Amino acid sequence: MKFGQALEEMEKGNKVCRAGWNGKGMYLYLASQLTDWCEPCIVMFTAQGKHQPGWLSSQADMLASDWEIFLPL
């Protein structure tokens, strides 16, 4: 799927990833409210098992068509 569709899936509560990512278990999700003073943001769950708020897409990410819903193994 395209990046816009991946954003729509995150808005539905789904986790998404790119098929071409090298890190195992990496995915993105939308954090609707981390704290009372924080606006919604995209969070990456990294290959190191950490949640990284504020993920920013590259042009390659935005133009890619290999986005998919993340399904844990």
N, C-alpha and C. Protein backbone atom coordinates (compact mmCIF):
# COMPACT_ATOMS: atom_id res chain seq x y z
N MET A 1 0.84 -1.17 0.00
CA MET A 1 0.00 0.00 0.00
C MET A 1 0.89 1.24 0.00
N LYS A 2 0.32 2.37 -0.34
CA LYS A 2 1.03 3.64 -0.36
C LYS A 2 1.04 4.27 1.03
N PHE A 3 1.87 5.30 1.21
CA PHE A 3 2.04 5.95 2.51
C PHE A 3 0.72 6.54 3.02
N GLY A 4 -0.06 7.16 2.15
CA GLY A 4 -1.34 7.73 2.57
C GLY A 4 -2.27 6.68 3.15
N GLN A 5 -2.26 5.51 2.55
CA GLN A 5 -3.08 4.40 3.05
C GLN A 5 -2.55 3.91 4.40
N ALA A 6 -1.22 3.92 4.55
CA ALA A 6 -0.61 3.52 5.82
C ALA A 6 -1.03 4.49 6.92
N LEU A 7 -1.08 5.79 6.61
CA LEU A 7 -1.54 6.77 7.59
C LEU A 7 -2.99 6.50 7.99
N GLU A 8 -3.82 6.18 7.01
CA GLU A 8 -5.22 5.87 7.31
C GLU A 8 -5.33 4.65 8.22
N GLU A 9 -4.49 3.66 7.98
CA GLU A 9 -4.50 2.46 8.83
C GLU A 9 -4.08 2.80 10.25
N MET A 10 -3.07 3.67 10.41
CA MET A 10 -2.67 4.07 11.76
C MET A 10 -3.80 4.82 12.46
N GLU A 11 -4.54 5.64 11.71
CA GLU A 11 -5.67 6.36 12.30
C GLU A 11 -6.76 5.40 12.78
N LYS A 12 -6.84 4.22 12.17
CA LYS A 12 -7.80 3.19 12.59
C LYS A 12 -7.29 2.39 13.79
N GLY A 13 -6.04 2.63 14.19
CA GLY A 13 -5.46 1.91 15.32
C GLY A 13 -4.54 0.78 14.93
N ASN A 14 -4.29 0.59 13.63
CA ASN A 14 -3.39 -0.47 13.18
C ASN A 14 -1.93 -0.02 13.23
N LYS A 15 -1.04 -0.99 13.34
CA LYS A 15 0.40 -0.76 13.24
C LYS A 15 0.79 -1.04 11.80
N VAL A 16 1.74 -0.27 11.28
CA VAL A 16 2.19 -0.46 9.90
C VAL A 16 3.70 -0.55 9.83
N CYS A 17 4.19 -1.13 8.75
CA CYS A 17 5.63 -1.23 8.52
C CYS A 17 5.87 -1.27 7.02
N ARG A 18 7.13 -1.18 6.65
CA ARG A 18 7.50 -1.34 5.26
C ARG A 18 8.11 -2.71 5.07
N ALA A 19 7.75 -3.37 3.99
CA ALA A 19 8.29 -4.70 3.69
C ALA A 19 9.81 -4.64 3.54
N GLY A 20 10.33 -3.50 3.09
CA GLY A 20 11.76 -3.37 2.84
C GLY A 20 12.60 -3.01 4.05
N TRP A 21 11.99 -2.82 5.22
CA TRP A 21 12.79 -2.49 6.40
C TRP A 21 13.61 -3.68 6.83
N ASN A 22 14.86 -3.42 7.20
CA ASN A 22 15.78 -4.49 7.60
C ASN A 22 15.58 -4.95 9.03
N GLY A 23 15.20 -4.03 9.91
CA GLY A 23 15.04 -4.38 11.33
C GLY A 23 13.83 -5.26 11.57
N LYS A 24 14.02 -6.34 12.28
CA LYS A 24 12.91 -7.25 12.56
C LYS A 24 12.03 -6.66 13.65
N GLY A 25 10.72 -6.76 13.43
CA GLY A 25 9.77 -6.32 14.44
C GLY A 25 9.53 -4.83 14.49
N MET A 26 10.10 -4.07 13.54
CA MET A 26 9.91 -2.62 13.53
C MET A 26 8.53 -2.29 12.97
N TYR A 27 7.88 -1.29 13.57
CA TYR A 27 6.59 -0.83 13.07
C TYR A 27 6.32 0.58 13.55
N LEU A 28 5.30 1.19 12.96
CA LEU A 28 4.85 2.52 13.34
C LEU A 28 3.42 2.42 13.86
N TYR A 29 3.10 3.34 14.76
CA TYR A 29 1.72 3.47 15.22
C TYR A 29 1.47 4.92 15.61
N LEU A 30 0.22 5.28 15.67
CA LEU A 30 -0.16 6.63 16.03
C LEU A 30 -0.46 6.68 17.52
N ALA A 31 0.29 7.51 18.23
CA ALA A 31 0.04 7.73 19.66
C ALA A 31 -0.90 8.91 19.76
N SER A 32 -2.15 8.64 20.06
CA SER A 32 -3.15 9.71 20.08
C SER A 32 -2.97 10.64 21.27
N GLN A 33 -2.42 10.12 22.36
CA GLN A 33 -2.19 10.99 23.51
C GLN A 33 -1.17 10.31 24.43
N LEU A 34 0.06 10.81 24.38
CA LEU A 34 1.10 10.26 25.26
C LEU A 34 0.95 10.84 26.67
N THR A 35 0.69 12.13 26.74
CA THR A 35 0.45 12.83 28.01
C THR A 35 -0.59 13.91 27.76
N ASP A 36 -1.01 14.58 28.80
CA ASP A 36 -2.01 15.65 28.66
C ASP A 36 -1.52 16.81 27.82
N TRP A 37 -0.19 17.01 27.76
CA TRP A 37 0.34 18.17 27.05
C TRP A 37 0.94 17.82 25.70
N CYS A 38 0.77 16.58 25.26
CA CYS A 38 1.41 16.13 24.02
C CYS A 38 0.36 15.94 22.92
N GLU A 39 0.65 16.48 21.76
CA GLU A 39 -0.21 16.28 20.59
C GLU A 39 0.03 14.88 20.02
N PRO A 40 -0.91 14.35 19.24
CA PRO A 40 -0.71 13.04 18.62
C PRO A 40 0.56 13.02 17.76
N CYS A 41 1.23 11.88 17.75
CA CYS A 41 2.44 11.76 16.93
C CYS A 41 2.60 10.32 16.48
N ILE A 42 3.42 10.15 15.45
CA ILE A 42 3.75 8.81 14.97
C ILE A 42 4.93 8.30 15.79
N VAL A 43 4.79 7.08 16.28
CA VAL A 43 5.83 6.45 17.10
C VAL A 43 6.37 5.23 16.35
N MET A 44 7.69 5.08 16.37
CA MET A 44 8.31 3.89 15.80
C MET A 44 8.70 2.95 16.92
N PHE A 45 8.33 1.68 16.78
CA PHE A 45 8.86 0.64 17.65
C PHE A 45 10.10 0.12 16.94
N THR A 46 11.26 0.30 17.54
CA THR A 46 12.53 0.03 16.88
C THR A 46 12.97 -1.43 16.99
N ALA A 47 13.97 -1.78 16.22
CA ALA A 47 14.54 -3.13 16.26
C ALA A 47 15.18 -3.42 17.61
N GLN A 48 15.49 -2.36 18.38
CA GLN A 48 16.08 -2.51 19.70
C GLN A 48 15.01 -2.65 20.79
N GLY A 49 13.73 -2.66 20.38
CA GLY A 49 12.66 -2.83 21.35
C GLY A 49 12.27 -1.57 22.09
N LYS A 50 12.55 -0.41 21.52
CA LYS A 50 12.23 0.88 22.15
C LYS A 50 11.15 1.60 21.35
N HIS A 51 10.35 2.39 22.04
CA HIS A 51 9.34 3.23 21.39
C HIS A 51 9.96 4.61 21.17
N GLN A 52 10.02 5.05 19.91
CA GLN A 52 10.65 6.31 19.55
C GLN A 52 9.59 7.27 19.02
N PRO A 53 9.08 8.18 19.89
CA PRO A 53 8.07 9.15 19.43
C PRO A 53 8.67 10.15 18.45
N GLY A 54 7.83 10.66 17.57
CA GLY A 54 8.25 11.72 16.66
C GLY A 54 8.92 11.22 15.40
N TRP A 55 8.59 10.01 14.95
CA TRP A 55 9.18 9.48 13.71
C TRP A 55 8.84 10.41 12.56
N LEU A 56 9.83 10.68 11.71
CA LEU A 56 9.63 11.50 10.52
C LEU A 56 9.92 10.65 9.28
N SER A 57 9.05 10.76 8.31
CA SER A 57 9.24 9.99 7.09
C SER A 57 10.24 10.66 6.16
N SER A 58 10.97 9.85 5.43
CA SER A 58 11.85 10.36 4.38
C SER A 58 11.03 10.44 3.09
N GLN A 59 11.59 11.06 2.07
CA GLN A 59 10.91 11.08 0.77
C GLN A 59 10.74 9.66 0.24
N ALA A 60 11.74 8.83 0.48
CA ALA A 60 11.64 7.43 0.04
C ALA A 60 10.48 6.73 0.72
N ASP A 61 10.28 6.99 2.03
CA ASP A 61 9.15 6.40 2.74
C ASP A 61 7.82 6.89 2.17
N MET A 62 7.73 8.17 1.89
CA MET A 62 6.47 8.74 1.38
C MET A 62 6.13 8.25 -0.02
N LEU A 63 7.13 7.93 -0.82
CA LEU A 63 6.89 7.50 -2.20
C LEU A 63 6.82 5.98 -2.35
N ALA A 64 7.15 5.26 -1.28
CA ALA A 64 7.18 3.79 -1.35
C ALA A 64 5.77 3.22 -1.45
N SER A 65 5.68 2.07 -2.05
CA SER A 65 4.39 1.37 -2.14
C SER A 65 4.44 0.00 -1.45
N ASP A 66 5.45 -0.19 -0.59
CA ASP A 66 5.58 -1.48 0.10
C ASP A 66 5.12 -1.41 1.56
N TRP A 67 4.27 -0.45 1.89
CA TRP A 67 3.71 -0.37 3.23
C TRP A 67 2.72 -1.50 3.44
N GLU A 68 2.68 -2.03 4.66
CA GLU A 68 1.74 -3.09 4.97
C GLU A 68 1.34 -3.02 6.44
N ILE A 69 0.23 -3.63 6.77
CA ILE A 69 -0.18 -3.72 8.18
C ILE A 69 0.78 -4.67 8.88
N PHE A 70 1.28 -4.25 10.02
CA PHE A 70 2.23 -5.07 10.79
C PHE A 70 1.49 -6.20 11.48
N LEU A 71 1.96 -7.40 11.24
CA LEU A 71 1.42 -8.59 11.91
C LEU A 71 2.56 -9.27 12.64
N PRO A 72 2.50 -9.32 13.96
CA PRO A 72 3.58 -9.97 14.73
C PRO A 72 3.76 -11.42 14.32
N LEU A 73 4.98 -11.87 14.39
CA LEU A 73 5.28 -13.27 14.04
C LEU A 73 4.79 -14.23 15.09
